Amino acid sequence: MALTKEKTSALVSAFGANEKDTGNVKVQVAILTERIKQLTEHCKNLQKDKSASRGLLKLVGQRRKLLKYMQRTDLEGYRALIKELGLRK
């Protein structure tokens, strides 16, 4: 259920400046989005798994905070990122 190293490194190389740029806000949002997608599918299958639902809400809140920060600091990058990730349709 967790992200594999290959998937994480693919996201880092796609959204970061280099393959070790894991602290970049774009990379963090991309990784959180992938984890949210996986956890959403898990919660759809197992509705009674309350700890997974709570974890999902925490991840969504964390991603929201990062996106709010990015919107405040780099508006054009924010718009490009949400378009590329398919958020806010």
N, C-alpha and C. Protein backbone atom coordinates (compact mmCIF):
# COMPACT_ATOMS: atom_id res chain seq x y z
N MET A 1 0.82 -1.18 0.00
CA MET A 1 0.00 0.00 0.00
C MET A 1 0.87 1.26 0.00
N ALA A 2 2.01 1.22 0.62
CA ALA A 2 2.88 2.39 0.65
C ALA A 2 3.52 2.61 -0.72
N LEU A 3 4.02 3.79 -0.93
CA LEU A 3 4.69 4.10 -2.18
C LEU A 3 5.99 3.30 -2.28
N THR A 4 6.27 2.79 -3.45
CA THR A 4 7.52 2.08 -3.66
C THR A 4 8.63 3.09 -3.89
N LYS A 5 9.86 2.63 -3.74
CA LYS A 5 11.00 3.50 -3.96
C LYS A 5 11.06 3.97 -5.40
N GLU A 6 10.69 3.09 -6.32
CA GLU A 6 10.73 3.44 -7.74
C GLU A 6 9.73 4.54 -8.06
N LYS A 7 8.52 4.44 -7.51
CA LYS A 7 7.49 5.44 -7.75
C LYS A 7 7.89 6.78 -7.13
N THR A 8 8.45 6.73 -5.92
CA THR A 8 8.88 7.94 -5.24
C THR A 8 10.01 8.62 -6.02
N SER A 9 10.98 7.83 -6.47
CA SER A 9 12.10 8.42 -7.21
C SER A 9 11.63 8.96 -8.56
N ALA A 10 10.62 8.34 -9.17
CA ALA A 10 10.07 8.86 -10.42
C ALA A 10 9.39 10.20 -10.18
N LEU A 11 8.65 10.32 -9.08
CA LEU A 11 8.01 11.60 -8.76
C LEU A 11 9.04 12.68 -8.45
N VAL A 12 10.10 12.31 -7.74
CA VAL A 12 11.13 13.29 -7.39
C VAL A 12 11.83 13.78 -8.65
N SER A 13 12.14 12.87 -9.56
CA SER A 13 12.82 13.29 -10.79
C SER A 13 11.89 14.09 -11.70
N ALA A 14 10.59 13.83 -11.64
CA ALA A 14 9.65 14.55 -12.50
C ALA A 14 9.36 15.95 -11.99
N PHE A 15 9.27 16.13 -10.68
CA PHE A 15 8.87 17.41 -10.12
C PHE A 15 10.01 18.19 -9.47
N GLY A 16 11.12 17.55 -9.18
CA GLY A 16 12.21 18.23 -8.51
C GLY A 16 13.25 18.74 -9.48
N ALA A 17 14.21 19.51 -8.96
CA ALA A 17 15.28 20.04 -9.78
C ALA A 17 16.27 18.93 -10.15
N ASN A 18 16.49 17.98 -9.24
CA ASN A 18 17.33 16.82 -9.52
C ASN A 18 16.77 15.62 -8.75
N GLU A 19 17.44 14.49 -8.82
CA GLU A 19 16.90 13.28 -8.21
C GLU A 19 17.01 13.25 -6.68
N LYS A 20 17.70 14.21 -6.09
CA LYS A 20 17.81 14.26 -4.63
C LYS A 20 17.05 15.44 -4.04
N ASP A 21 16.22 16.09 -4.83
CA ASP A 21 15.50 17.29 -4.40
C ASP A 21 14.15 16.91 -3.79
N THR A 22 14.19 16.24 -2.65
CA THR A 22 12.95 15.76 -2.03
C THR A 22 12.28 16.80 -1.17
N GLY A 23 12.96 17.89 -0.84
CA GLY A 23 12.38 18.91 0.02
C GLY A 23 11.59 19.95 -0.73
N ASN A 24 11.65 19.92 -2.04
CA ASN A 24 10.92 20.89 -2.85
C ASN A 24 9.42 20.76 -2.60
N VAL A 25 8.72 21.88 -2.56
CA VAL A 25 7.29 21.86 -2.28
C VAL A 25 6.53 21.09 -3.36
N LYS A 26 6.94 21.24 -4.61
CA LYS A 26 6.27 20.53 -5.71
C LYS A 26 6.40 19.03 -5.54
N VAL A 27 7.58 18.58 -5.14
CA VAL A 27 7.82 17.15 -4.94
C VAL A 27 6.98 16.64 -3.78
N GLN A 28 6.94 17.40 -2.69
CA GLN A 28 6.17 16.97 -1.53
C GLN A 28 4.69 16.86 -1.87
N VAL A 29 4.17 17.83 -2.63
CA VAL A 29 2.75 17.80 -3.01
C VAL A 29 2.48 16.62 -3.93
N ALA A 30 3.39 16.33 -4.85
CA ALA A 30 3.20 15.21 -5.77
C ALA A 30 3.20 13.88 -5.02
N ILE A 31 4.10 13.72 -4.06
CA ILE A 31 4.16 12.48 -3.29
C ILE A 31 2.91 12.34 -2.42
N LEU A 32 2.49 13.43 -1.79
CA LEU A 32 1.27 13.38 -0.98
C LEU A 32 0.06 13.05 -1.83
N THR A 33 -0.01 13.59 -3.03
CA THR A 33 -1.13 13.31 -3.92
C THR A 33 -1.19 11.83 -4.28
N GLU A 34 -0.04 11.25 -4.54
CA GLU A 34 -0.01 9.82 -4.87
C GLU A 34 -0.43 8.98 -3.67
N ARG A 35 0.04 9.34 -2.47
CA ARG A 35 -0.36 8.61 -1.27
C ARG A 35 -1.85 8.76 -1.00
N ILE A 36 -2.39 9.96 -1.26
CA ILE A 36 -3.82 10.20 -1.06
C ILE A 36 -4.63 9.35 -2.02
N LYS A 37 -4.19 9.22 -3.26
CA LYS A 37 -4.91 8.39 -4.24
C LYS A 37 -4.95 6.93 -3.77
N GLN A 38 -3.81 6.43 -3.30
CA GLN A 38 -3.76 5.04 -2.85
C GLN A 38 -4.62 4.84 -1.61
N LEU A 39 -4.56 5.75 -0.68
CA LEU A 39 -5.32 5.62 0.56
C LEU A 39 -6.82 5.78 0.31
N THR A 40 -7.19 6.59 -0.67
CA THR A 40 -8.60 6.74 -1.02
C THR A 40 -9.17 5.42 -1.53
N GLU A 41 -8.43 4.74 -2.38
CA GLU A 41 -8.88 3.44 -2.87
C GLU A 41 -8.99 2.43 -1.73
N HIS A 42 -8.04 2.47 -0.80
CA HIS A 42 -8.08 1.57 0.35
C HIS A 42 -9.33 1.84 1.20
N CYS A 43 -9.62 3.12 1.42
CA CYS A 43 -10.77 3.48 2.26
C CYS A 43 -12.09 3.17 1.57
N LYS A 44 -12.12 3.18 0.25
CA LYS A 44 -13.33 2.80 -0.47
C LYS A 44 -13.63 1.32 -0.27
N ASN A 45 -12.58 0.51 -0.23
CA ASN A 45 -12.76 -0.93 -0.07
C ASN A 45 -13.05 -1.32 1.38
N LEU A 46 -12.44 -0.61 2.32
CA LEU A 46 -12.58 -0.95 3.74
C LEU A 46 -13.11 0.26 4.49
N GLN A 47 -14.41 0.43 4.52
CA GLN A 47 -15.01 1.60 5.13
C GLN A 47 -14.82 1.65 6.65
N LYS A 48 -14.64 0.51 7.28
CA LYS A 48 -14.54 0.48 8.74
C LYS A 48 -13.12 0.71 9.24
N ASP A 49 -12.17 0.89 8.36
CA ASP A 49 -10.80 1.15 8.76
C ASP A 49 -10.67 2.63 9.12
N LYS A 50 -10.97 2.94 10.36
CA LYS A 50 -11.02 4.33 10.80
C LYS A 50 -9.63 4.95 10.89
N SER A 51 -8.61 4.17 11.21
CA SER A 51 -7.27 4.74 11.29
C SER A 51 -6.77 5.16 9.91
N ALA A 52 -7.13 4.41 8.88
CA ALA A 52 -6.76 4.80 7.52
C ALA A 52 -7.51 6.06 7.10
N SER A 53 -8.77 6.18 7.51
CA SER A 53 -9.54 7.38 7.19
C SER A 53 -8.95 8.60 7.87
N ARG A 54 -8.52 8.43 9.11
CA ARG A 54 -7.90 9.55 9.83
C ARG A 54 -6.58 9.93 9.19
N GLY A 55 -5.81 8.93 8.80
CA GLY A 55 -4.54 9.21 8.13
C GLY A 55 -4.75 9.92 6.81
N LEU A 56 -5.81 9.55 6.10
CA LEU A 56 -6.14 10.20 4.83
C LEU A 56 -6.46 11.68 5.06
N LEU A 57 -7.24 11.97 6.11
CA LEU A 57 -7.58 13.35 6.41
C LEU A 57 -6.34 14.17 6.79
N LYS A 58 -5.40 13.54 7.50
CA LYS A 58 -4.17 14.23 7.87
C LYS A 58 -3.34 14.54 6.63
N LEU A 59 -3.28 13.61 5.70
CA LEU A 59 -2.52 13.84 4.47
C LEU A 59 -3.14 14.94 3.63
N VAL A 60 -4.46 14.96 3.56
CA VAL A 60 -5.15 16.00 2.79
C VAL A 60 -4.89 17.36 3.41
N GLY A 61 -4.91 17.44 4.74
CA GLY A 61 -4.63 18.69 5.42
C GLY A 61 -3.20 19.16 5.20
N GLN A 62 -2.27 18.23 5.21
CA GLN A 62 -0.87 18.57 4.99
C GLN A 62 -0.66 19.09 3.57
N ARG A 63 -1.30 18.42 2.60
CA ARG A 63 -1.19 18.86 1.21
C ARG A 63 -1.84 20.23 1.04
N ARG A 64 -2.96 20.46 1.71
CA ARG A 64 -3.62 21.76 1.62
C ARG A 64 -2.72 22.88 2.14
N LYS A 65 -2.02 22.62 3.25
CA LYS A 65 -1.11 23.62 3.80
C LYS A 65 0.03 23.92 2.83
N LEU A 66 0.60 22.88 2.22
CA LEU A 66 1.69 23.09 1.28
C LEU A 66 1.22 23.85 0.04
N LEU A 67 0.02 23.51 -0.44
CA LEU A 67 -0.51 24.22 -1.61
C LEU A 67 -0.82 25.68 -1.29
N LYS A 68 -1.28 25.93 -0.08
CA LYS A 68 -1.56 27.31 0.34
C LYS A 68 -0.26 28.11 0.39
N TYR A 69 0.79 27.49 0.92
CA TYR A 69 2.10 28.14 0.95
C TYR A 69 2.60 28.42 -0.46
N MET A 70 2.45 27.44 -1.34
CA MET A 70 2.93 27.60 -2.70
C MET A 70 2.13 28.68 -3.45
N GLN A 71 0.85 28.74 -3.18
CA GLN A 71 0.01 29.76 -3.81
C GLN A 71 0.45 31.16 -3.36
N ARG A 72 0.84 31.27 -2.11
CA ARG A 72 1.26 32.55 -1.57
C ARG A 72 2.62 32.98 -2.10
N THR A 73 3.52 32.02 -2.34
CA THR A 73 4.89 32.37 -2.72
C THR A 73 5.14 32.31 -4.22
N ASP A 74 4.54 31.33 -4.93
CA ASP A 74 4.81 31.13 -6.36
C ASP A 74 3.49 30.81 -7.06
N LEU A 75 2.75 31.82 -7.45
CA LEU A 75 1.41 31.62 -7.99
C LEU A 75 1.42 30.88 -9.32
N GLU A 76 2.34 31.22 -10.21
CA GLU A 76 2.39 30.56 -11.51
C GLU A 76 2.78 29.09 -11.37
N GLY A 77 3.74 28.81 -10.51
CA GLY A 77 4.12 27.43 -10.24
C GLY A 77 2.99 26.65 -9.62
N TYR A 78 2.23 27.30 -8.74
CA TYR A 78 1.06 26.68 -8.11
C TYR A 78 0.03 26.29 -9.16
N ARG A 79 -0.27 27.21 -10.06
CA ARG A 79 -1.26 26.93 -11.10
C ARG A 79 -0.81 25.80 -12.02
N ALA A 80 0.47 25.80 -12.37
CA ALA A 80 0.99 24.73 -13.22
C ALA A 80 0.94 23.38 -12.51
N LEU A 81 1.25 23.38 -11.22
CA LEU A 81 1.27 22.13 -10.46
C LEU A 81 -0.12 21.53 -10.32
N ILE A 82 -1.11 22.34 -9.96
CA ILE A 82 -2.46 21.78 -9.80
C ILE A 82 -3.02 21.33 -11.13
N LYS A 83 -2.61 21.98 -12.22
CA LYS A 83 -3.05 21.53 -13.54
C LYS A 83 -2.40 20.20 -13.90
N GLU A 84 -1.12 20.06 -13.60
CA GLU A 84 -0.39 18.84 -13.93
C GLU A 84 -0.83 17.65 -13.09
N LEU A 85 -1.15 17.91 -11.81
CA LEU A 85 -1.58 16.83 -10.94
C LEU A 85 -3.08 16.53 -11.06
N GLY A 86 -3.82 17.41 -11.70
CA GLY A 86 -5.26 17.17 -11.87
C GLY A 86 -6.06 17.50 -10.62
N LEU A 87 -5.61 18.49 -9.86
CA LEU A 87 -6.33 18.90 -8.66
C LEU A 87 -7.25 20.07 -9.00
N ARG A 88 -8.25 20.30 -8.19
CA ARG A 88 -9.16 21.43 -8.34
C ARG A 88 -9.77 21.51 -9.73
N LYS A 89 -10.54 20.53 -10.08
CA LYS A 89 -11.12 20.47 -11.42
C LYS A 89 -12.24 21.45 -11.63
